[in-house]
Amino acid sequence: MKKEKTIFEKIAAGIGILLSGFFAFMGLSEYYKIGILKQTEFYPFGGEGPVPYYYRTAELYSYVNLTYGIAFGTLFGLAIWNWKRNKISGIVTLGLTIILILIQIFHGLAE
């Protein structure tokens, strides 16, 4: 038996899809720009100033962005799959997206 989504669940699922897709794109594009194309001239690598620890090297920075890009991409795929199949609540996908965003923020604050 298939349950119908409420309008709130549809909005929550849509926001989760947009946010996870945006963060996946940003992470993977940063990996591509730094890790593959080696365009590092505008980045403060070397750990100087108030930057997260993963700015020590371009390689570390690109791997951190690849990791978050894959994580958000997986969540994006889950949210799209859920939109079509309606197996879990859209609120859950939005919640998972927000939790992953908070993890990324706190990871950047770590010394």
N, C-alpha and C. Protein backbone atom coordinates (compact mmCIF):
# COMPACT_ATOMS: atom_id res chain seq x y z
N MET A 1 0.84 -1.17 0.00
CA MET A 1 0.00 0.00 0.00
C MET A 1 0.89 1.24 0.00
N LYS A 2 0.68 2.11 -0.96
CA LYS A 2 1.49 3.31 -1.12
C LYS A 2 0.82 4.47 -0.41
N LYS A 3 1.59 5.13 0.45
CA LYS A 3 1.02 6.28 1.15
C LYS A 3 1.27 7.55 0.35
N GLU A 4 0.38 8.48 0.47
CA GLU A 4 0.51 9.76 -0.22
C GLU A 4 1.37 10.72 0.60
N LYS A 5 2.17 11.49 -0.09
CA LYS A 5 2.99 12.50 0.57
C LYS A 5 2.14 13.72 0.88
N THR A 6 2.36 14.30 2.06
CA THR A 6 1.72 15.57 2.37
C THR A 6 2.50 16.68 1.68
N ILE A 7 1.94 17.85 1.61
CA ILE A 7 2.61 18.98 0.96
C ILE A 7 3.88 19.35 1.73
N PHE A 8 3.85 19.21 3.05
CA PHE A 8 5.04 19.50 3.86
C PHE A 8 6.16 18.52 3.53
N GLU A 9 5.83 17.24 3.38
CA GLU A 9 6.84 16.24 3.02
C GLU A 9 7.40 16.49 1.64
N LYS A 10 6.57 16.93 0.70
CA LYS A 10 7.05 17.24 -0.65
C LYS A 10 8.01 18.42 -0.63
N ILE A 11 7.67 19.44 0.13
CA ILE A 11 8.54 20.61 0.23
C ILE A 11 9.85 20.23 0.90
N ALA A 12 9.78 19.46 2.00
CA ALA A 12 10.99 19.03 2.70
C ALA A 12 11.88 18.18 1.79
N ALA A 13 11.26 17.27 1.04
CA ALA A 13 12.03 16.42 0.12
C ALA A 13 12.66 17.27 -0.99
N GLY A 14 11.93 18.25 -1.49
CA GLY A 14 12.47 19.13 -2.53
C GLY A 14 13.64 19.95 -2.04
N ILE A 15 13.52 20.47 -0.83
CA ILE A 15 14.64 21.23 -0.25
C ILE A 15 15.83 20.32 -0.02
N GLY A 16 15.60 19.10 0.45
CA GLY A 16 16.69 18.14 0.65
C GLY A 16 17.38 17.80 -0.66
N ILE A 17 16.60 17.63 -1.72
CA ILE A 17 17.18 17.34 -3.03
C ILE A 17 18.02 18.52 -3.53
N LEU A 18 17.49 19.72 -3.41
CA LEU A 18 18.23 20.90 -3.87
C LEU A 18 19.53 21.11 -3.08
N LEU A 19 19.45 21.00 -1.75
CA LEU A 19 20.64 21.21 -0.94
C LEU A 19 21.70 20.14 -1.17
N SER A 20 21.29 18.87 -1.17
CA SER A 20 22.27 17.81 -1.36
C SER A 20 22.87 17.87 -2.77
N GLY A 21 22.07 18.21 -3.76
CA GLY A 21 22.59 18.36 -5.11
C GLY A 21 23.57 19.51 -5.22
N PHE A 22 23.26 20.62 -4.58
CA PHE A 22 24.15 21.79 -4.60
C PHE A 22 25.48 21.46 -3.94
N PHE A 23 25.44 20.87 -2.74
CA PHE A 23 26.67 20.56 -2.03
C PHE A 23 27.47 19.47 -2.73
N ALA A 24 26.81 18.51 -3.37
CA ALA A 24 27.52 17.49 -4.15
C ALA A 24 28.24 18.14 -5.33
N PHE A 25 27.55 19.03 -6.01
CA PHE A 25 28.16 19.72 -7.15
C PHE A 25 29.35 20.56 -6.70
N MET A 26 29.20 21.28 -5.60
CA MET A 26 30.30 22.12 -5.11
C MET A 26 31.52 21.29 -4.71
N GLY A 27 31.29 20.21 -3.97
CA GLY A 27 32.41 19.37 -3.55
C GLY A 27 33.13 18.73 -4.72
N LEU A 28 32.36 18.18 -5.66
CA LEU A 28 32.98 17.52 -6.80
C LEU A 28 33.64 18.51 -7.76
N SER A 29 33.06 19.71 -7.88
CA SER A 29 33.69 20.71 -8.75
C SER A 29 34.98 21.23 -8.14
N GLU A 30 35.03 21.38 -6.82
CA GLU A 30 36.29 21.77 -6.16
C GLU A 30 37.35 20.69 -6.34
N TYR A 31 36.95 19.43 -6.21
CA TYR A 31 37.90 18.34 -6.44
C TYR A 31 38.43 18.39 -7.87
N TYR A 32 37.54 18.57 -8.82
CA TYR A 32 37.95 18.62 -10.21
C TYR A 32 38.90 19.79 -10.47
N LYS A 33 38.56 20.96 -9.92
CA LYS A 33 39.37 22.15 -10.16
C LYS A 33 40.75 22.05 -9.52
N ILE A 34 40.81 21.57 -8.28
CA ILE A 34 42.07 21.52 -7.54
C ILE A 34 42.81 20.21 -7.78
N GLY A 35 42.10 19.09 -7.68
CA GLY A 35 42.77 17.79 -7.76
C GLY A 35 43.15 17.37 -9.16
N ILE A 36 42.36 17.73 -10.16
CA ILE A 36 42.61 17.28 -11.52
C ILE A 36 43.23 18.38 -12.38
N LEU A 37 42.61 19.56 -12.38
CA LEU A 37 43.12 20.65 -13.22
C LEU A 37 44.30 21.39 -12.58
N LYS A 38 44.49 21.24 -11.28
CA LYS A 38 45.60 21.88 -10.53
C LYS A 38 45.55 23.41 -10.59
N GLN A 39 44.35 23.98 -10.52
CA GLN A 39 44.20 25.44 -10.51
C GLN A 39 44.21 25.92 -9.06
N THR A 40 45.38 26.16 -8.51
CA THR A 40 45.52 26.46 -7.09
C THR A 40 45.97 27.90 -6.81
N GLU A 41 46.03 28.74 -7.80
CA GLU A 41 46.62 30.07 -7.59
C GLU A 41 45.82 30.98 -6.66
N PHE A 42 44.52 30.77 -6.49
CA PHE A 42 43.71 31.65 -5.65
C PHE A 42 43.36 31.04 -4.30
N TYR A 43 44.06 29.98 -3.91
CA TYR A 43 43.77 29.29 -2.65
C TYR A 43 44.93 29.46 -1.67
N PRO A 44 44.62 29.69 -0.39
CA PRO A 44 45.68 29.92 0.61
C PRO A 44 46.23 28.62 1.18
N PHE A 45 46.83 27.78 0.36
CA PHE A 45 47.36 26.53 0.86
C PHE A 45 48.63 26.79 1.67
N GLY A 46 48.85 25.96 2.65
CA GLY A 46 49.99 26.11 3.53
C GLY A 46 49.56 26.29 4.98
N GLY A 47 48.28 26.42 5.23
CA GLY A 47 47.78 26.53 6.60
C GLY A 47 47.99 27.86 7.26
N GLU A 48 48.24 28.90 6.48
CA GLU A 48 48.46 30.22 7.06
C GLU A 48 47.13 30.94 7.20
N GLY A 49 46.96 31.62 8.31
CA GLY A 49 45.73 32.37 8.53
C GLY A 49 44.62 31.51 9.08
N PRO A 50 43.44 32.10 9.21
CA PRO A 50 42.30 31.37 9.81
C PRO A 50 41.58 30.48 8.79
N VAL A 51 42.21 29.38 8.43
CA VAL A 51 41.62 28.44 7.48
C VAL A 51 41.58 27.06 8.12
N PRO A 52 40.68 26.19 7.67
CA PRO A 52 40.63 24.82 8.20
C PRO A 52 41.93 24.07 7.94
N TYR A 53 42.15 23.00 8.72
CA TYR A 53 43.39 22.24 8.63
C TYR A 53 43.63 21.65 7.25
N TYR A 54 42.56 21.37 6.51
CA TYR A 54 42.75 20.70 5.23
C TYR A 54 43.22 21.65 4.12
N TYR A 55 43.51 22.89 4.47
CA TYR A 55 44.14 23.81 3.52
C TYR A 55 45.67 23.70 3.57
N ARG A 56 46.19 22.73 4.32
CA ARG A 56 47.65 22.56 4.40
C ARG A 56 48.25 22.26 3.03
N THR A 57 47.59 21.35 2.31
CA THR A 57 48.06 21.00 0.96
C THR A 57 46.87 20.96 0.00
N ALA A 58 47.18 21.15 -1.26
CA ALA A 58 46.14 21.09 -2.28
C ALA A 58 45.57 19.68 -2.38
N GLU A 59 46.42 18.67 -2.20
CA GLU A 59 45.96 17.29 -2.29
C GLU A 59 44.98 16.95 -1.17
N LEU A 60 45.29 17.36 0.06
CA LEU A 60 44.39 17.11 1.19
C LEU A 60 43.06 17.83 0.98
N TYR A 61 43.12 19.07 0.54
CA TYR A 61 41.91 19.85 0.28
C TYR A 61 41.04 19.18 -0.78
N SER A 62 41.66 18.71 -1.85
CA SER A 62 40.87 18.09 -2.91
C SER A 62 40.26 16.77 -2.45
N TYR A 63 40.97 16.01 -1.62
CA TYR A 63 40.41 14.74 -1.12
C TYR A 63 39.26 14.97 -0.15
N VAL A 64 39.36 16.00 0.67
CA VAL A 64 38.25 16.33 1.58
C VAL A 64 37.02 16.72 0.76
N ASN A 65 37.21 17.52 -0.27
CA ASN A 65 36.08 17.91 -1.11
C ASN A 65 35.53 16.73 -1.90
N LEU A 66 36.39 15.81 -2.32
CA LEU A 66 35.91 14.61 -3.00
C LEU A 66 35.05 13.78 -2.05
N THR A 67 35.50 13.64 -0.81
CA THR A 67 34.74 12.87 0.18
C THR A 67 33.36 13.46 0.41
N TYR A 68 33.30 14.77 0.62
CA TYR A 68 32.00 15.41 0.83
C TYR A 68 31.16 15.39 -0.45
N GLY A 69 31.78 15.51 -1.61
CA GLY A 69 31.04 15.44 -2.85
C GLY A 69 30.40 14.07 -3.04
N ILE A 70 31.12 13.02 -2.70
CA ILE A 70 30.57 11.68 -2.81
C ILE A 70 29.46 11.47 -1.78
N ALA A 71 29.68 11.95 -0.55
CA ALA A 71 28.66 11.79 0.50
C ALA A 71 27.38 12.52 0.12
N PHE A 72 27.50 13.76 -0.31
CA PHE A 72 26.31 14.51 -0.71
C PHE A 72 25.70 13.94 -1.99
N GLY A 73 26.52 13.44 -2.90
CA GLY A 73 26.01 12.82 -4.11
C GLY A 73 25.21 11.56 -3.80
N THR A 74 25.69 10.78 -2.85
CA THR A 74 24.95 9.59 -2.42
C THR A 74 23.61 9.98 -1.81
N LEU A 75 23.65 11.01 -0.98
CA LEU A 75 22.41 11.49 -0.37
C LEU A 75 21.47 12.07 -1.42
N PHE A 76 22.02 12.73 -2.42
CA PHE A 76 21.22 13.26 -3.53
C PHE A 76 20.55 12.12 -4.29
N GLY A 77 21.30 11.06 -4.57
CA GLY A 77 20.73 9.89 -5.24
C GLY A 77 19.63 9.24 -4.42
N LEU A 78 19.86 9.14 -3.11
CA LEU A 78 18.85 8.59 -2.21
C LEU A 78 17.58 9.44 -2.23
N ALA A 79 17.75 10.75 -2.22
CA ALA A 79 16.59 11.65 -2.20
C ALA A 79 15.82 11.57 -3.51
N ILE A 80 16.52 11.48 -4.63
CA ILE A 80 15.84 11.34 -5.93
C ILE A 80 15.11 10.00 -5.99
N TRP A 81 15.77 8.93 -5.55
CA TRP A 81 15.14 7.61 -5.53
C TRP A 81 13.90 7.63 -4.65
N ASN A 82 14.01 8.29 -3.50
CA ASN A 82 12.89 8.36 -2.58
C ASN A 82 11.74 9.19 -3.16
N TRP A 83 12.06 10.21 -3.92
CA TRP A 83 11.02 11.04 -4.54
C TRP A 83 10.14 10.19 -5.47
N LYS A 84 10.78 9.27 -6.17
CA LYS A 84 10.04 8.43 -7.12
C LYS A 84 9.37 7.25 -6.43
N ARG A 85 10.00 6.66 -5.43
CA ARG A 85 9.49 5.44 -4.81
C ARG A 85 8.65 5.68 -3.57
N ASN A 86 8.89 6.81 -2.89
CA ASN A 86 8.14 7.18 -1.68
C ASN A 86 8.26 6.13 -0.58
N LYS A 87 9.50 5.68 -0.32
CA LYS A 87 9.74 4.66 0.70
C LYS A 87 9.96 5.26 2.09
N ILE A 88 10.64 6.40 2.15
CA ILE A 88 10.88 7.06 3.44
C ILE A 88 10.37 8.50 3.36
N SER A 89 10.23 9.10 4.49
CA SER A 89 9.69 10.46 4.54
C SER A 89 10.68 11.46 3.94
N GLY A 90 10.15 12.47 3.28
CA GLY A 90 10.98 13.55 2.77
C GLY A 90 11.64 14.32 3.88
N ILE A 91 11.04 14.30 5.05
CA ILE A 91 11.61 14.97 6.21
C ILE A 91 12.91 14.28 6.63
N VAL A 92 12.96 12.97 6.47
CA VAL A 92 14.17 12.22 6.81
C VAL A 92 15.31 12.60 5.87
N THR A 93 15.04 12.70 4.58
CA THR A 93 16.10 13.08 3.65
C THR A 93 16.58 14.51 3.89
N LEU A 94 15.67 15.40 4.23
CA LEU A 94 16.07 16.76 4.57
C LEU A 94 16.90 16.75 5.85
N GLY A 95 16.47 15.98 6.84
CA GLY A 95 17.22 15.88 8.09
C GLY A 95 18.62 15.34 7.88
N LEU A 96 18.76 14.30 7.07
CA LEU A 96 20.08 13.74 6.78
C LEU A 96 20.96 14.76 6.06
N THR A 97 20.37 15.54 5.17
CA THR A 97 21.12 16.57 4.47
C THR A 97 21.61 17.64 5.44
N ILE A 98 20.75 18.06 6.34
CA ILE A 98 21.13 19.09 7.32
C ILE A 98 22.22 18.56 8.25
N ILE A 99 22.10 17.30 8.66
CA ILE A 99 23.13 16.70 9.52
C ILE A 99 24.47 16.67 8.80
N LEU A 100 24.48 16.29 7.53
CA LEU A 100 25.73 16.25 6.77
C LEU A 100 26.31 17.64 6.56
N ILE A 101 25.46 18.63 6.37
CA ILE A 101 25.95 20.02 6.27
C ILE A 101 26.60 20.44 7.58
N LEU A 102 25.96 20.12 8.71
CA LEU A 102 26.53 20.47 10.01
C LEU A 102 27.85 19.75 10.25
N ILE A 103 27.95 18.49 9.83
CA ILE A 103 29.21 17.76 9.96
C ILE A 103 30.30 18.46 9.15
N GLN A 104 29.96 18.90 7.94
CA GLN A 104 30.94 19.59 7.12
C GLN A 104 31.37 20.91 7.76
N ILE A 105 30.44 21.63 8.35
CA ILE A 105 30.78 22.89 9.02
C ILE A 105 31.69 22.64 10.21
N PHE A 106 31.31 21.69 11.06
CA PHE A 106 32.13 21.41 12.24
C PHE A 106 33.48 20.80 11.87
N HIS A 107 33.54 20.06 10.79
CA HIS A 107 34.81 19.54 10.31
C HIS A 107 35.75 20.68 9.91
N GLY A 108 35.19 21.71 9.32
CA GLY A 108 36.00 22.86 8.95
C GLY A 108 36.49 23.66 10.15
N LEU A 109 35.80 23.53 11.29
CA LEU A 109 36.20 24.24 12.49
C LEU A 109 37.26 23.49 13.28
N ALA A 110 37.44 22.20 12.99
CA ALA A 110 38.38 21.36 13.74
C ALA A 110 39.80 21.82 13.50
N GLU A 111 40.60 21.71 14.51
CA GLU A 111 42.02 22.11 14.42
C GLU A 111 42.87 20.95 14.05
